[in-house]
Amino acid sequence: MLHIQIKDNESIDKALKRFKKKFEKTGVLRQLRSRQAFQKKSVTRRFEVIHAAYKQKTYGHIDE
């Protein structure tokens, strides 16, 4: 269970935003959606490779 301490003079909107960020980092929703339907490991791996190639093509020219 996530706990968010509301600081002095902090609006509810800011506290809710911090809660949403913390919840997203846990990955609970992503895991729930992935478990709704079984996906073979080969399909998952293929998606990861395609996604990595897309990222490389899109952001590959940017030098850090």
PDB file of N, CA and C in Angstrom:
ATOM      1  N   MET A   1       0.843  -1.168   0.000  1.00  0.00           N
ATOM      2  CA  MET A   1       0.000   0.000   0.000  1.00  0.00           C
ATOM      3  C   MET A   1       0.890   1.233   0.000  1.00  0.00           C
ATOM      4  N   LEU A   2       0.524   2.200  -0.815  1.00  0.00           N
ATOM      5  CA  LEU A   2       1.292   3.430  -0.913  1.00  0.00           C
ATOM      6  C   LEU A   2       0.794   4.449   0.103  1.00  0.00           C
ATOM      7  N   HIS A   3       1.729   5.125   0.718  1.00  0.00           N
ATOM      8  CA  HIS A   3       1.403   6.180   1.669  1.00  0.00           C
ATOM      9  C   HIS A   3       2.042   7.465   1.184  1.00  0.00           C
ATOM     10  N   ILE A   4       1.283   8.525   1.199  1.00  0.00           N
ATOM     11  CA  ILE A   4       1.772   9.843   0.826  1.00  0.00           C
ATOM     12  C   ILE A   4       1.529  10.782   1.995  1.00  0.00           C
ATOM     13  N   GLN A   5       2.575  11.364   2.491  1.00  0.00           N
ATOM     14  CA  GLN A   5       2.445  12.338   3.564  1.00  0.00           C
ATOM     15  C   GLN A   5       2.176  13.703   2.951  1.00  0.00           C
ATOM     16  N   ILE A   6       1.101  14.329   3.362  1.00  0.00           N
ATOM     17  CA  ILE A   6       0.785  15.663   2.863  1.00  0.00           C
ATOM     18  C   ILE A   6       1.564  16.662   3.693  1.00  0.00           C
ATOM     19  N   LYS A   7       2.349  17.469   3.005  1.00  0.00           N
ATOM     20  CA  LYS A   7       3.188  18.448   3.678  1.00  0.00           C
ATOM     21  C   LYS A   7       2.355  19.657   4.090  1.00  0.00           C
ATOM     22  N   ASP A   8       2.925  20.497   4.953  1.00  0.00           N
ATOM     23  CA  ASP A   8       2.225  21.704   5.387  1.00  0.00           C
ATOM     24  C   ASP A   8       1.964  22.616   4.195  1.00  0.00           C
ATOM     25  N   ASN A   9       0.757  23.133   4.121  1.00  0.00           N
ATOM     26  CA  ASN A   9       0.339  24.066   3.067  1.00  0.00           C
ATOM     27  C   ASN A   9       0.481  23.476   1.662  1.00  0.00           C
ATOM     28  N   GLU A  10       0.372  22.163   1.553  1.00  0.00           N
ATOM     29  CA  GLU A  10       0.440  21.531   0.233  1.00  0.00           C
ATOM     30  C   GLU A  10      -0.984  21.267  -0.252  1.00  0.00           C
ATOM     31  N   SER A  11      -1.225  21.597  -1.505  1.00  0.00           N
ATOM     32  CA  SER A  11      -2.569  21.393  -2.037  1.00  0.00           C
ATOM     33  C   SER A  11      -2.800  19.903  -2.293  1.00  0.00           C
ATOM     34  N   ILE A  12      -4.061  19.548  -2.348  1.00  0.00           N
ATOM     35  CA  ILE A  12      -4.439  18.165  -2.613  1.00  0.00           C
ATOM     36  C   ILE A  12      -4.005  17.761  -4.023  1.00  0.00           C
ATOM     37  N   ASP A  13      -4.042  18.717  -4.946  1.00  0.00           N
ATOM     38  CA  ASP A  13      -3.647  18.421  -6.329  1.00  0.00           C
ATOM     39  C   ASP A  13      -2.192  17.968  -6.407  1.00  0.00           C
ATOM     40  N   LYS A  14      -1.319  18.654  -5.687  1.00  0.00           N
ATOM     41  CA  LYS A  14       0.100  18.273  -5.698  1.00  0.00           C
ATOM     42  C   LYS A  14       0.314  16.916  -5.042  1.00  0.00           C
ATOM     43  N   ALA A  15      -0.391  16.674  -3.961  1.00  0.00           N
ATOM     44  CA  ALA A  15      -0.263  15.391  -3.281  1.00  0.00           C
ATOM     45  C   ALA A  15      -0.776  14.264  -4.177  1.00  0.00           C
ATOM     46  N   LEU A  16      -1.872  14.511  -4.869  1.00  0.00           N
ATOM     47  CA  LEU A  16      -2.418  13.509  -5.789  1.00  0.00           C
ATOM     48  C   LEU A  16      -1.453  13.246  -6.936  1.00  0.00           C
ATOM     49  N   LYS A  17      -0.800  14.283  -7.420  1.00  0.00           N
ATOM     50  CA  LYS A  17       0.185  14.133  -8.497  1.00  0.00           C
ATOM     51  C   LYS A  17       1.364  13.278  -8.025  1.00  0.00           C
ATOM     52  N   ARG A  18       1.828  13.509  -6.790  1.00  0.00           N
ATOM     53  CA  ARG A  18       2.911  12.695  -6.245  1.00  0.00           C
ATOM     54  C   ARG A  18       2.484  11.245  -6.090  1.00  0.00           C
ATOM     55  N   PHE A  19       1.230  11.035  -5.662  1.00  0.00           N
ATOM     56  CA  PHE A  19       0.707   9.682  -5.519  1.00  0.00           C
ATOM     57  C   PHE A  19       0.662   8.973  -6.867  1.00  0.00           C
ATOM     58  N   LYS A  20       0.186   9.665  -7.886  1.00  0.00           N
ATOM     59  CA  LYS A  20       0.096   9.065  -9.221  1.00  0.00           C
ATOM     60  C   LYS A  20       1.471   8.685  -9.744  1.00  0.00           C
ATOM     61  N   LYS A  21       2.465   9.541  -9.536  1.00  0.00           N
ATOM     62  CA  LYS A  21       3.832   9.238  -9.980  1.00  0.00           C
ATOM     63  C   LYS A  21       4.368   8.001  -9.259  1.00  0.00           C
ATOM     64  N   LYS A  22       4.158   7.958  -7.961  1.00  0.00           N
ATOM     65  CA  LYS A  22       4.637   6.839  -7.162  1.00  0.00           C
ATOM     66  C   LYS A  22       3.948   5.544  -7.589  1.00  0.00           C
ATOM     67  N   PHE A  23       2.642   5.622  -7.847  1.00  0.00           N
ATOM     68  CA  PHE A  23       1.882   4.453  -8.282  1.00  0.00           C
ATOM     69  C   PHE A  23       2.353   3.971  -9.648  1.00  0.00           C
ATOM     70  N   GLU A  24       2.640   4.899 -10.544  1.00  0.00           N
ATOM     71  CA  GLU A  24       3.101   4.529 -11.883  1.00  0.00           C
ATOM     72  C   GLU A  24       4.474   3.853 -11.826  1.00  0.00           C
ATOM     73  N   LYS A  25       5.327   4.304 -10.925  1.00  0.00           N
ATOM     74  CA  LYS A  25       6.660   3.712 -10.792  1.00  0.00           C
ATOM     75  C   LYS A  25       6.605   2.271 -10.302  1.00  0.00           C
ATOM     76  N   THR A  26       5.582   1.925  -9.539  1.00  0.00           N
ATOM     77  CA  THR A  26       5.488   0.561  -9.040  1.00  0.00           C
ATOM     78  C   THR A  26       5.195  -0.429 -10.150  1.00  0.00           C
ATOM     79  N   GLY A  27       4.512   0.007 -11.220  1.00  0.00           N
ATOM     80  CA  GLY A  27       4.240  -0.862 -12.356  1.00  0.00           C
ATOM     81  C   GLY A  27       3.092  -1.825 -12.146  1.00  0.00           C
ATOM     82  N   VAL A  28       2.255  -1.568 -11.168  1.00  0.00           N
ATOM     83  CA  VAL A  28       1.141  -2.468 -10.859  1.00  0.00           C
ATOM     84  C   VAL A  28       0.148  -2.516 -12.011  1.00  0.00           C
ATOM     85  N   LEU A  29      -0.211  -1.364 -12.541  1.00  0.00           N
ATOM     86  CA  LEU A  29      -1.204  -1.314 -13.611  1.00  0.00           C
ATOM     87  C   LEU A  29      -0.677  -1.979 -14.881  1.00  0.00           C
ATOM     88  N   ARG A  30       0.590  -1.744 -15.198  1.00  0.00           N
ATOM     89  CA  ARG A  30       1.213  -2.359 -16.377  1.00  0.00           C
ATOM     90  C   ARG A  30       1.221  -3.879 -16.243  1.00  0.00           C
ATOM     91  N   GLN A  31       1.535  -4.364 -15.061  1.00  0.00           N
ATOM     92  CA  GLN A  31       1.566  -5.802 -14.813  1.00  0.00           C
ATOM     93  C   GLN A  31       0.158  -6.396 -14.899  1.00  0.00           C
ATOM     94  N   LEU A  32      -0.822  -5.689 -14.387  1.00  0.00           N
ATOM     95  CA  LEU A  32      -2.198  -6.157 -14.448  1.00  0.00           C
ATOM     96  C   LEU A  32      -2.670  -6.295 -15.890  1.00  0.00           C
ATOM     97  N   ARG A  33      -2.364  -5.310 -16.704  1.00  0.00           N
ATOM     98  CA  ARG A  33      -2.775  -5.362 -18.108  1.00  0.00           C
ATOM     99  C   ARG A  33      -2.061  -6.478 -18.853  1.00  0.00           C
ATOM    100  N   SER A  34      -0.802  -6.722 -18.537  1.00  0.00           N
ATOM    101  CA  SER A  34      -0.073  -7.778 -19.229  1.00  0.00           C
ATOM    102  C   SER A  34      -0.580  -9.158 -18.836  1.00  0.00           C
ATOM    103  N   ARG A  35      -1.159  -9.293 -17.655  1.00  0.00           N
ATOM    104  CA  ARG A  35      -1.659 -10.590 -17.195  1.00  0.00           C
ATOM    105  C   ARG A  35      -3.081 -10.889 -17.673  1.00  0.00           C
ATOM    106  N   GLN A  36      -3.746  -9.944 -18.295  1.00  0.00           N
ATOM    107  CA  GLN A  36      -5.114 -10.169 -18.739  1.00  0.00           C
ATOM    108  C   GLN A  36      -5.189 -11.257 -19.805  1.00  0.00           C
ATOM    109  N   ALA A  37      -4.176 -11.305 -20.664  1.00  0.00           N
ATOM    110  CA  ALA A  37      -4.157 -12.324 -21.709  1.00  0.00           C
ATOM    111  C   ALA A  37      -2.741 -12.877 -21.797  1.00  0.00           C
ATOM    112  N   PHE A  38      -2.632 -14.194 -21.961  1.00  0.00           N
ATOM    113  CA  PHE A  38      -1.320 -14.814 -22.037  1.00  0.00           C
ATOM    114  C   PHE A  38      -0.646 -14.440 -23.342  1.00  0.00           C
ATOM    115  N   GLN A  39       0.655 -14.164 -23.244  1.00  0.00           N
ATOM    116  CA  GLN A  39       1.436 -13.841 -24.424  1.00  0.00           C
ATOM    117  C   GLN A  39       2.709 -14.671 -24.376  1.00  0.00           C
ATOM    118  N   LYS A  40       2.987 -15.376 -25.464  1.00  0.00           N
ATOM    119  CA  LYS A  40       4.163 -16.219 -25.502  1.00  0.00           C
ATOM    120  C   LYS A  40       5.424 -15.382 -25.376  1.00  0.00           C
ATOM    121  N   LYS A  41       6.470 -15.991 -24.829  1.00  0.00           N
ATOM    122  CA  LYS A  41       7.719 -15.265 -24.635  1.00  0.00           C
ATOM    123  C   LYS A  41       8.318 -14.812 -25.961  1.00  0.00           C
ATOM    124  N   SER A  42       8.134 -15.614 -27.009  1.00  0.00           N
ATOM    125  CA  SER A  42       8.679 -15.245 -28.315  1.00  0.00           C
ATOM    126  C   SER A  42       8.003 -13.982 -28.850  1.00  0.00           C
ATOM    127  N   VAL A  43       6.703 -13.848 -28.602  1.00  0.00           N
ATOM    128  CA  VAL A  43       5.970 -12.660 -29.044  1.00  0.00           C
ATOM    129  C   VAL A  43       6.425 -11.448 -28.242  1.00  0.00           C
ATOM    130  N   THR A  44       6.595 -11.627 -26.946  1.00  0.00           N
ATOM    131  CA  THR A  44       7.062 -10.534 -26.095  1.00  0.00           C
ATOM    132  C   THR A  44       8.441 -10.066 -26.529  1.00  0.00           C
ATOM    133  N   ARG A  45       9.319 -11.031 -26.784  1.00  0.00           N
ATOM    134  CA  ARG A  45      10.688 -10.697 -27.201  1.00  0.00           C
ATOM    135  C   ARG A  45      10.684  -9.985 -28.552  1.00  0.00           C
ATOM    136  N   ARG A  46       9.840 -10.440 -29.472  1.00  0.00           N
ATOM    137  CA  ARG A  46       9.757  -9.810 -30.788  1.00  0.00           C
ATOM    138  C   ARG A  46       9.315  -8.365 -30.648  1.00  0.00           C
ATOM    139  N   PHE A  47       8.337  -8.116 -29.764  1.00  0.00           N
ATOM    140  CA  PHE A  47       7.884  -6.753 -29.541  1.00  0.00           C
ATOM    141  C   PHE A  47       9.012  -5.894 -28.971  1.00  0.00           C
ATOM    142  N   GLU A  48       9.783  -6.443 -28.030  1.00  0.00           N
ATOM    143  CA  GLU A  48      10.891  -5.691 -27.434  1.00  0.00           C
ATOM    144  C   GLU A  48      11.936  -5.333 -28.477  1.00  0.00           C
ATOM    145  N   VAL A  49      12.238  -6.263 -29.380  1.00  0.00           N
ATOM    146  CA  VAL A  49      13.237  -6.012 -30.421  1.00  0.00           C
ATOM    147  C   VAL A  49      12.744  -4.935 -31.389  1.00  0.00           C
ATOM    148  N   ILE A  50      11.480  -5.014 -31.770  1.00  0.00           N
ATOM    149  CA  ILE A  50      10.913  -4.017 -32.678  1.00  0.00           C
ATOM    150  C   ILE A  50      10.908  -2.646 -32.017  1.00  0.00           C
ATOM    151  N   HIS A  51      10.549  -2.599 -30.754  1.00  0.00           N
ATOM    152  CA  HIS A  51      10.520  -1.340 -30.017  1.00  0.00           C
ATOM    153  C   HIS A  51      11.929  -0.750 -29.888  1.00  0.00           C
ATOM    154  N   ALA A  52      12.912  -1.590 -29.615  1.00  0.00           N
ATOM    155  CA  ALA A  52      14.286  -1.115 -29.494  1.00  0.00           C
ATOM    156  C   ALA A  52      14.792  -0.577 -30.830  1.00  0.00           C
ATOM    157  N   ALA A  53      14.441  -1.246 -31.931  1.00  0.00           N
ATOM    158  CA  ALA A  53      14.853  -0.779 -33.252  1.00  0.00           C
ATOM    159  C   ALA A  53      14.206   0.567 -33.569  1.00  0.00           C
ATOM    160  N   TYR A  54      12.956   0.720 -33.188  1.00  0.00           N
ATOM    161  CA  TYR A  54      12.270   1.992 -33.404  1.00  0.00           C
ATOM    162  C   TYR A  54      12.940   3.113 -32.617  1.00  0.00           C
ATOM    163  N   LYS A  55      13.245   2.843 -31.356  1.00  0.00           N
ATOM    164  CA  LYS A  55      13.904   3.859 -30.528  1.00  0.00           C
ATOM    165  C   LYS A  55      15.273   4.215 -31.087  1.00  0.00           C
ATOM    166  N   GLN A  56      16.003   3.201 -31.563  1.00  0.00           N
ATOM    167  CA  GLN A  56      17.330   3.449 -32.125  1.00  0.00           C
ATOM    168  C   GLN A  56      17.221   4.301 -33.388  1.00  0.00           C
ATOM    169  N   LYS A  57      16.222   4.009 -34.209  1.00  0.00           N
ATOM    170  CA  LYS A  57      16.032   4.765 -35.442  1.00  0.00           C
ATOM    171  C   LYS A  57      15.604   6.195 -35.141  1.00  0.00           C
ATOM    172  N   THR A  58      14.752   6.358 -34.143  1.00  0.00           N
ATOM    173  CA  THR A  58      14.224   7.684 -33.814  1.00  0.00           C
ATOM    174  C   THR A  58      15.239   8.541 -33.067  1.00  0.00           C
ATOM    175  N   TYR A  59      15.872   7.956 -32.069  1.00  0.00           N
ATOM    176  CA  TYR A  59      16.763   8.731 -31.205  1.00  0.00           C
ATOM    177  C   TYR A  59      18.233   8.408 -31.421  1.00  0.00           C
ATOM    178  N   GLY A  60      18.563   7.602 -32.387  1.00  0.00           N
ATOM    179  CA  GLY A  60      19.943   7.178 -32.603  1.00  0.00           C
ATOM    180  C   GLY A  60      20.873   8.299 -33.043  1.00  0.00           C
ATOM    181  N   HIS A  61      20.344   9.282 -33.713  1.00  0.00           N
ATOM    182  CA  HIS A  61      21.191  10.369 -34.225  1.00  0.00           C
ATOM    183  C   HIS A  61      21.522  11.405 -33.169  1.00  0.00           C
ATOM    184  N   ILE A  62      20.880  11.347 -32.043  1.00  0.00           N
ATOM    185  CA  ILE A  62      21.119  12.317 -30.965  1.00  0.00           C
ATOM    186  C   ILE A  62      22.345  11.878 -30.175  1.00  0.00           C
ATOM    187  N   ASP A  63      23.342  12.769 -30.149  1.00  0.00           N
ATOM    188  CA  ASP A  63      24.562  12.465 -29.378  1.00  0.00           C
ATOM    189  C   ASP A  63      24.441  13.085 -28.001  1.00  0.00           C
ATOM    190  N   GLU A  64      24.797  12.323 -27.017  1.00  0.00           N
ATOM    191  CA  GLU A  64      24.703  12.810 -25.645  1.00  0.00           C
ATOM    192  C   GLU A  64      26.001  13.408 -25.195  1.00  0.00           C
TER     193      GLU A  64
END
